[in-house]
Amino acid sequence: MTQGGWDVQSKYWTYQEMWDELRRLADAYPQFLSVEVIGQSRQGKDIAAVTVTNRSTGEPADKSARRREHPRW
């Protein structure tokens, strides 16, 4: 499936690729996306929490939420 001009299911991303893309998106769209570390896996890898919201309409904690554990395109 194509999403935004690129194939989102063309491969599995490495851990580093995932973090690089999350940071790139957070830097490019700080008004909509933030990334934070919420813990570590048993392997000692950081676990990401991604918040997607329009900050111009209020703080994320003041809005209703929906959790996604993995994307389904």
PDB file of N, CA and C in Angstrom:
ATOM      1  N   MET A   1       0.849  -1.179   0.000  1.00  0.00           N
ATOM      2  CA  MET A   1       0.000   0.000   0.000  1.00  0.00           C
ATOM      3  C   MET A   1       0.892   1.238   0.000  1.00  0.00           C
ATOM      4  N   THR A   2       0.521   2.221  -0.770  1.00  0.00           N
ATOM      5  CA  THR A   2       1.274   3.466  -0.826  1.00  0.00           C
ATOM      6  C   THR A   2       0.642   4.480   0.113  1.00  0.00           C
ATOM      7  N   GLN A   3       1.462   5.129   0.884  1.00  0.00           N
ATOM      8  CA  GLN A   3       1.022   6.134   1.850  1.00  0.00           C
ATOM      9  C   GLN A   3       1.958   7.330   1.723  1.00  0.00           C
ATOM     10  N   GLY A   4       1.441   8.457   1.286  1.00  0.00           N
ATOM     11  CA  GLY A   4       2.280   9.647   1.175  1.00  0.00           C
ATOM     12  C   GLY A   4       3.388   9.510   0.154  1.00  0.00           C
ATOM     13  N   GLY A   5       3.202   8.682  -0.852  1.00  0.00           N
ATOM     14  CA  GLY A   5       4.194   8.544  -1.902  1.00  0.00           C
ATOM     15  C   GLY A   5       5.237   7.466  -1.688  1.00  0.00           C
ATOM     16  N   TRP A   6       5.159   6.720  -0.593  1.00  0.00           N
ATOM     17  CA  TRP A   6       6.112   5.630  -0.381  1.00  0.00           C
ATOM     18  C   TRP A   6       5.388   4.395   0.110  1.00  0.00           C
ATOM     19  N   ASP A   7       5.985   3.266  -0.152  1.00  0.00           N
ATOM     20  CA  ASP A   7       5.372   1.972   0.173  1.00  0.00           C
ATOM     21  C   ASP A   7       5.611   1.664   1.644  1.00  0.00           C
ATOM     22  N   VAL A   8       4.559   1.717   2.472  1.00  0.00           N
ATOM     23  CA  VAL A   8       4.708   1.540   3.909  1.00  0.00           C
ATOM     24  C   VAL A   8       4.955   0.086   4.321  1.00  0.00           C
ATOM     25  N   GLN A   9       4.728  -0.850   3.423  1.00  0.00           N
ATOM     26  CA  GLN A   9       4.928  -2.248   3.779  1.00  0.00           C
ATOM     27  C   GLN A   9       6.040  -2.901   2.955  1.00  0.00           C
ATOM     28  N   SER A  10       6.963  -2.114   2.460  1.00  0.00           N
ATOM     29  CA  SER A  10       7.990  -2.664   1.589  1.00  0.00           C
ATOM     30  C   SER A  10       9.027  -3.481   2.340  1.00  0.00           C
ATOM     31  N   LYS A  11       9.178  -3.243   3.653  1.00  0.00           N
ATOM     32  CA  LYS A  11      10.158  -3.999   4.444  1.00  0.00           C
ATOM     33  C   LYS A  11       9.890  -3.779   5.922  1.00  0.00           C
ATOM     34  N   TYR A  12      10.500  -4.601   6.733  1.00  0.00           N
ATOM     35  CA  TYR A  12      10.490  -4.365   8.162  1.00  0.00           C
ATOM     36  C   TYR A  12      11.589  -3.369   8.478  1.00  0.00           C
ATOM     37  N   TRP A  13      11.290  -2.391   9.309  1.00  0.00           N
ATOM     38  CA  TRP A  13      12.295  -1.409   9.686  1.00  0.00           C
ATOM     39  C   TRP A  13      13.127  -1.950  10.832  1.00  0.00           C
ATOM     40  N   THR A  14      14.394  -1.602  10.829  1.00  0.00           N
ATOM     41  CA  THR A  14      15.231  -1.947  11.974  1.00  0.00           C
ATOM     42  C   THR A  14      14.854  -1.033  13.134  1.00  0.00           C
ATOM     43  N   TYR A  15      15.291  -1.393  14.295  1.00  0.00           N
ATOM     44  CA  TYR A  15      15.058  -0.569  15.480  1.00  0.00           C
ATOM     45  C   TYR A  15      15.581   0.844  15.252  1.00  0.00           C
ATOM     46  N   GLN A  16      16.808   0.949  14.728  1.00  0.00           N
ATOM     47  CA  GLN A  16      17.410   2.266  14.493  1.00  0.00           C
ATOM     48  C   GLN A  16      16.647   3.063  13.434  1.00  0.00           C
ATOM     49  N   GLU A  17      16.202   2.394  12.371  1.00  0.00           N
ATOM     50  CA  GLU A  17      15.420   3.075  11.333  1.00  0.00           C
ATOM     51  C   GLU A  17      14.110   3.628  11.903  1.00  0.00           C
ATOM     52  N   MET A  18      13.473   2.846  12.772  1.00  0.00           N
ATOM     53  CA  MET A  18      12.233   3.295  13.395  1.00  0.00           C
ATOM     54  C   MET A  18      12.472   4.563  14.204  1.00  0.00           C
ATOM     55  N   TRP A  19      13.500   4.544  15.052  1.00  0.00           N
ATOM     56  CA  TRP A  19      13.795   5.717  15.876  1.00  0.00           C
ATOM     57  C   TRP A  19      14.196   6.914  15.022  1.00  0.00           C
ATOM     58  N   ASP A  20      14.978   6.692  13.989  1.00  0.00           N
ATOM     59  CA  ASP A  20      15.373   7.793  13.099  1.00  0.00           C
ATOM     60  C   ASP A  20      14.149   8.436  12.468  1.00  0.00           C
ATOM     61  N   GLU A  21      13.202   7.626  12.006  1.00  0.00           N
ATOM     62  CA  GLU A  21      12.000   8.160  11.365  1.00  0.00           C
ATOM     63  C   GLU A  21      11.097   8.866  12.378  1.00  0.00           C
ATOM     64  N   LEU A  22      10.944   8.304  13.572  1.00  0.00           N
ATOM     65  CA  LEU A  22      10.145   8.972  14.593  1.00  0.00           C
ATOM     66  C   LEU A  22      10.726  10.335  14.949  1.00  0.00           C
ATOM     67  N   ARG A  23      12.036  10.409  15.104  1.00  0.00           N
ATOM     68  CA  ARG A  23      12.684  11.686  15.426  1.00  0.00           C
ATOM     69  C   ARG A  23      12.562  12.675  14.267  1.00  0.00           C
ATOM     70  N   ARG A  24      12.701  12.175  13.038  1.00  0.00           N
ATOM     71  CA  ARG A  24      12.567  13.041  11.867  1.00  0.00           C
ATOM     72  C   ARG A  24      11.164  13.636  11.811  1.00  0.00           C
ATOM     73  N   LEU A  25      10.155  12.806  12.019  1.00  0.00           N
ATOM     74  CA  LEU A  25       8.772  13.286  11.993  1.00  0.00           C
ATOM     75  C   LEU A  25       8.489  14.268  13.130  1.00  0.00           C
ATOM     76  N   ALA A  26       8.992  13.980  14.310  1.00  0.00           N
ATOM     77  CA  ALA A  26       8.795  14.879  15.452  1.00  0.00           C
ATOM     78  C   ALA A  26       9.474  16.218  15.207  1.00  0.00           C
ATOM     79  N   ASP A  27      10.640  16.213  14.588  1.00  0.00           N
ATOM     80  CA  ASP A  27      11.332  17.464  14.260  1.00  0.00           C
ATOM     81  C   ASP A  27      10.610  18.227  13.162  1.00  0.00           C
ATOM     82  N   ALA A  28      10.070  17.510  12.183  1.00  0.00           N
ATOM     83  CA  ALA A  28       9.399  18.146  11.048  1.00  0.00           C
ATOM     84  C   ALA A  28       8.017  18.679  11.419  1.00  0.00           C
ATOM     85  N   TYR A  29       7.336  18.026  12.354  1.00  0.00           N
ATOM     86  CA  TYR A  29       5.958  18.382  12.708  1.00  0.00           C
ATOM     87  C   TYR A  29       5.773  18.484  14.225  1.00  0.00           C
ATOM     88  N   PRO A  30       6.517  19.356  14.884  1.00  0.00           N
ATOM     89  CA  PRO A  30       6.432  19.419  16.354  1.00  0.00           C
ATOM     90  C   PRO A  30       5.057  19.827  16.873  1.00  0.00           C
ATOM     91  N   GLN A  31       4.268  20.510  16.059  1.00  0.00           N
ATOM     92  CA  GLN A  31       2.932  20.908  16.492  1.00  0.00           C
ATOM     93  C   GLN A  31       1.951  19.741  16.482  1.00  0.00           C
ATOM     94  N   PHE A  32       2.336  18.634  15.824  1.00  0.00           N
ATOM     95  CA  PHE A  32       1.438  17.485  15.714  1.00  0.00           C
ATOM     96  C   PHE A  32       1.965  16.196  16.344  1.00  0.00           C
ATOM     97  N   LEU A  33       3.278  16.044  16.493  1.00  0.00           N
ATOM     98  CA  LEU A  33       3.827  14.758  16.905  1.00  0.00           C
ATOM     99  C   LEU A  33       4.949  14.937  17.913  1.00  0.00           C
ATOM    100  N   SER A  34       4.915  14.133  18.966  1.00  0.00           N
ATOM    101  CA  SER A  34       6.023  14.091  19.924  1.00  0.00           C
ATOM    102  C   SER A  34       6.343  12.636  20.240  1.00  0.00           C
ATOM    103  N   VAL A  35       7.597  12.399  20.592  1.00  0.00           N
ATOM    104  CA  VAL A  35       8.078  11.052  20.899  1.00  0.00           C
ATOM    105  C   VAL A  35       8.792  11.099  22.241  1.00  0.00           C
ATOM    106  N   GLU A  36       8.483  10.132  23.087  1.00  0.00           N
ATOM    107  CA  GLU A  36       9.191  10.043  24.358  1.00  0.00           C
ATOM    108  C   GLU A  36       9.464   8.584  24.694  1.00  0.00           C
ATOM    109  N   VAL A  37      10.459   8.376  25.513  1.00  0.00           N
ATOM    110  CA  VAL A  37      10.812   7.030  25.973  1.00  0.00           C
ATOM    111  C   VAL A  37      10.018   6.755  27.235  1.00  0.00           C
ATOM    112  N   ILE A  38       9.289   5.615  27.244  1.00  0.00           N
ATOM    113  CA  ILE A  38       8.462   5.284  28.410  1.00  0.00           C
ATOM    114  C   ILE A  38       8.975   4.080  29.186  1.00  0.00           C
ATOM    115  N   GLY A  39      10.104   3.543  28.766  1.00  0.00           N
ATOM    116  CA  GLY A  39      10.668   2.399  29.460  1.00  0.00           C
ATOM    117  C   GLY A  39      11.667   1.691  28.577  1.00  0.00           C
ATOM    118  N   GLN A  40      12.078   0.529  29.034  1.00  0.00           N
ATOM    119  CA  GLN A  40      13.016  -0.271  28.266  1.00  0.00           C
ATOM    120  C   GLN A  40      12.527  -1.709  28.174  1.00  0.00           C
ATOM    121  N   SER A  41      12.855  -2.329  27.041  1.00  0.00           N
ATOM    122  CA  SER A  41      12.506  -3.733  26.833  1.00  0.00           C
ATOM    123  C   SER A  41      13.435  -4.617  27.645  1.00  0.00           C
ATOM    124  N   ARG A  42      13.155  -5.902  27.640  1.00  0.00           N
ATOM    125  CA  ARG A  42      14.034  -6.854  28.321  1.00  0.00           C
ATOM    126  C   ARG A  42      15.425  -6.875  27.715  1.00  0.00           C
ATOM    127  N   GLN A  43      15.510  -6.473  26.446  1.00  0.00           N
ATOM    128  CA  GLN A  43      16.811  -6.397  25.774  1.00  0.00           C
ATOM    129  C   GLN A  43      17.513  -5.066  26.037  1.00  0.00           C
ATOM    130  N   GLY A  44      16.890  -4.195  26.824  1.00  0.00           N
ATOM    131  CA  GLY A  44      17.491  -2.907  27.157  1.00  0.00           C
ATOM    132  C   GLY A  44      17.256  -1.824  26.119  1.00  0.00           C
ATOM    133  N   LYS A  45      16.342  -2.071  25.165  1.00  0.00           N
ATOM    134  CA  LYS A  45      16.049  -1.073  24.137  1.00  0.00           C
ATOM    135  C   LYS A  45      14.937  -0.146  24.612  1.00  0.00           C
ATOM    136  N   ASP A  46      15.062   1.135  24.242  1.00  0.00           N
ATOM    137  CA  ASP A  46      14.040   2.106  24.605  1.00  0.00           C
ATOM    138  C   ASP A  46      12.709   1.770  23.930  1.00  0.00           C
ATOM    139  N   ILE A  47      11.619   2.000  24.666  1.00  0.00           N
ATOM    140  CA  ILE A  47      10.263   1.816  24.147  1.00  0.00           C
ATOM    141  C   ILE A  47       9.682   3.208  23.895  1.00  0.00           C
ATOM    142  N   ALA A  48       9.211   3.428  22.680  1.00  0.00           N
ATOM    143  CA  ALA A  48       8.693   4.741  22.293  1.00  0.00           C
ATOM    144  C   ALA A  48       7.210   4.870  22.581  1.00  0.00           C
ATOM    145  N   ALA A  49       6.842   6.066  23.036  1.00  0.00           N
ATOM    146  CA  ALA A  49       5.442   6.475  23.097  1.00  0.00           C
ATOM    147  C   ALA A  49       5.322   7.658  22.148  1.00  0.00           C
ATOM    148  N   VAL A  50       4.398   7.569  21.214  1.00  0.00           N
ATOM    149  CA  VAL A  50       4.212   8.618  20.217  1.00  0.00           C
ATOM    150  C   VAL A  50       2.861   9.277  20.461  1.00  0.00           C
ATOM    151  N   THR A  51       2.876  10.587  20.579  1.00  0.00           N
ATOM    152  CA  THR A  51       1.649  11.355  20.737  1.00  0.00           C
ATOM    153  C   THR A  51       1.392  12.120  19.450  1.00  0.00           C
ATOM    154  N   VAL A  52       0.214  11.898  18.875  1.00  0.00           N
ATOM    155  CA  VAL A  52      -0.191  12.607  17.661  1.00  0.00           C
ATOM    156  C   VAL A  52      -1.420  13.435  18.022  1.00  0.00           C
ATOM    157  N   THR A  53      -1.286  14.748  17.917  1.00  0.00           N
ATOM    158  CA  THR A  53      -2.380  15.650  18.257  1.00  0.00           C
ATOM    159  C   THR A  53      -2.117  17.009  17.625  1.00  0.00           C
ATOM    160  N   ASN A  54      -3.134  17.806  17.536  1.00  0.00           N
ATOM    161  CA  ASN A  54      -2.990  19.182  17.078  1.00  0.00           C
ATOM    162  C   ASN A  54      -2.851  20.043  18.325  1.00  0.00           C
ATOM    163  N   ARG A  55      -1.648  20.461  18.631  1.00  0.00           N
ATOM    164  CA  ARG A  55      -1.405  21.214  19.859  1.00  0.00           C
ATOM    165  C   ARG A  55      -2.066  22.586  19.867  1.00  0.00           C
ATOM    166  N   SER A  56      -2.434  23.095  18.695  1.00  0.00           N
ATOM    167  CA  SER A  56      -3.102  24.403  18.655  1.00  0.00           C
ATOM    168  C   SER A  56      -4.521  24.326  19.223  1.00  0.00           C
ATOM    169  N   THR A  57      -5.038  23.107  19.383  1.00  0.00           N
ATOM    170  CA  THR A  57      -6.384  22.944  19.956  1.00  0.00           C
ATOM    171  C   THR A  57      -6.342  22.487  21.410  1.00  0.00           C
ATOM    172  N   GLY A  58      -5.156  22.511  22.019  1.00  0.00           N
ATOM    173  CA  GLY A  58      -5.035  22.151  23.423  1.00  0.00           C
ATOM    174  C   GLY A  58      -3.956  21.117  23.670  1.00  0.00           C
ATOM    175  N   GLU A  59      -3.652  20.923  24.929  1.00  0.00           N
ATOM    176  CA  GLU A  59      -2.644  19.960  25.334  1.00  0.00           C
ATOM    177  C   GLU A  59      -3.165  18.524  25.210  1.00  0.00           C
ATOM    178  N   PRO A  60      -2.298  17.589  24.877  1.00  0.00           N
ATOM    179  CA  PRO A  60      -2.729  16.194  24.715  1.00  0.00           C
ATOM    180  C   PRO A  60      -3.419  15.620  25.955  1.00  0.00           C
ATOM    181  N   ALA A  61      -2.946  15.963  27.129  1.00  0.00           N
ATOM    182  CA  ALA A  61      -3.521  15.407  28.365  1.00  0.00           C
ATOM    183  C   ALA A  61      -4.953  15.879  28.605  1.00  0.00           C
ATOM    184  N   ASP A  62      -5.348  16.974  27.936  1.00  0.00           N
ATOM    185  CA  ASP A  62      -6.693  17.509  28.107  1.00  0.00           C
ATOM    186  C   ASP A  62      -7.682  16.976  27.077  1.00  0.00           C
ATOM    187  N   LYS A  63      -7.242  16.031  26.249  1.00  0.00           N
ATOM    188  CA  LYS A  63      -8.088  15.494  25.185  1.00  0.00           C
ATOM    189  C   LYS A  63      -8.326  14.001  25.395  1.00  0.00           C
ATOM    190  N   SER A  64      -9.347  13.480  24.733  1.00  0.00           N
ATOM    191  CA  SER A  64      -9.562  12.041  24.778  1.00  0.00           C
ATOM    192  C   SER A  64      -8.447  11.354  23.993  1.00  0.00           C
ATOM    193  N   ALA A  65      -8.226  10.080  24.247  1.00  0.00           N
ATOM    194  CA  ALA A  65      -7.089   9.384  23.640  1.00  0.00           C
ATOM    195  C   ALA A  65      -7.510   8.078  22.990  1.00  0.00           C
ATOM    196  N   ARG A  66      -6.670   7.634  22.087  1.00  0.00           N
ATOM    197  CA  ARG A  66      -6.829   6.326  21.467  1.00  0.00           C
ATOM    198  C   ARG A  66      -5.447   5.711  21.350  1.00  0.00           C
ATOM    199  N   ARG A  67      -5.300   4.495  21.822  1.00  0.00           N
ATOM    200  CA  ARG A  67      -4.010   3.822  21.813  1.00  0.00           C
ATOM    201  C   ARG A  67      -3.936   2.844  20.660  1.00  0.00           C
ATOM    202  N   ARG A  68      -2.806   2.852  19.956  1.00  0.00           N
ATOM    203  CA  ARG A  68      -2.549   1.888  18.887  1.00  0.00           C
ATOM    204  C   ARG A  68      -1.251   1.170  19.204  1.00  0.00           C
ATOM    205  N   GLU A  69      -1.295  -0.144  19.287  1.00  0.00           N
ATOM    206  CA  GLU A  69      -0.090  -0.905  19.573  1.00  0.00           C
ATOM    207  C   GLU A  69       0.693  -1.211  18.328  1.00  0.00           C
ATOM    208  N   HIS A  70       0.025  -1.320  17.203  1.00  0.00           N
ATOM    209  CA  HIS A  70       0.700  -1.536  15.921  1.00  0.00           C
ATOM    210  C   HIS A  70      -0.216  -1.034  14.814  1.00  0.00           C
ATOM    211  N   PRO A  71       0.372  -0.479  13.761  1.00  0.00           N
ATOM    212  CA  PRO A  71      -0.473   0.082  12.705  1.00  0.00           C
ATOM    213  C   PRO A  71      -1.109  -0.998  11.841  1.00  0.00           C
ATOM    214  N   ARG A  72      -2.292  -0.726  11.372  1.00  0.00           N
ATOM    215  CA  ARG A  72      -2.965  -1.554  10.361  1.00  0.00           C
ATOM    216  C   ARG A  72      -3.363  -0.624   9.256  1.00  0.00           C
ATOM    217  N   TRP A  73      -2.622  -0.649   8.192  1.00  0.00           N
ATOM    218  CA  TRP A  73      -2.850   0.280   7.079  1.00  0.00           C
ATOM    219  C   TRP A  73      -3.997  -0.219   6.316  1.00  0.00           C
TER     220      TRP A  73
END
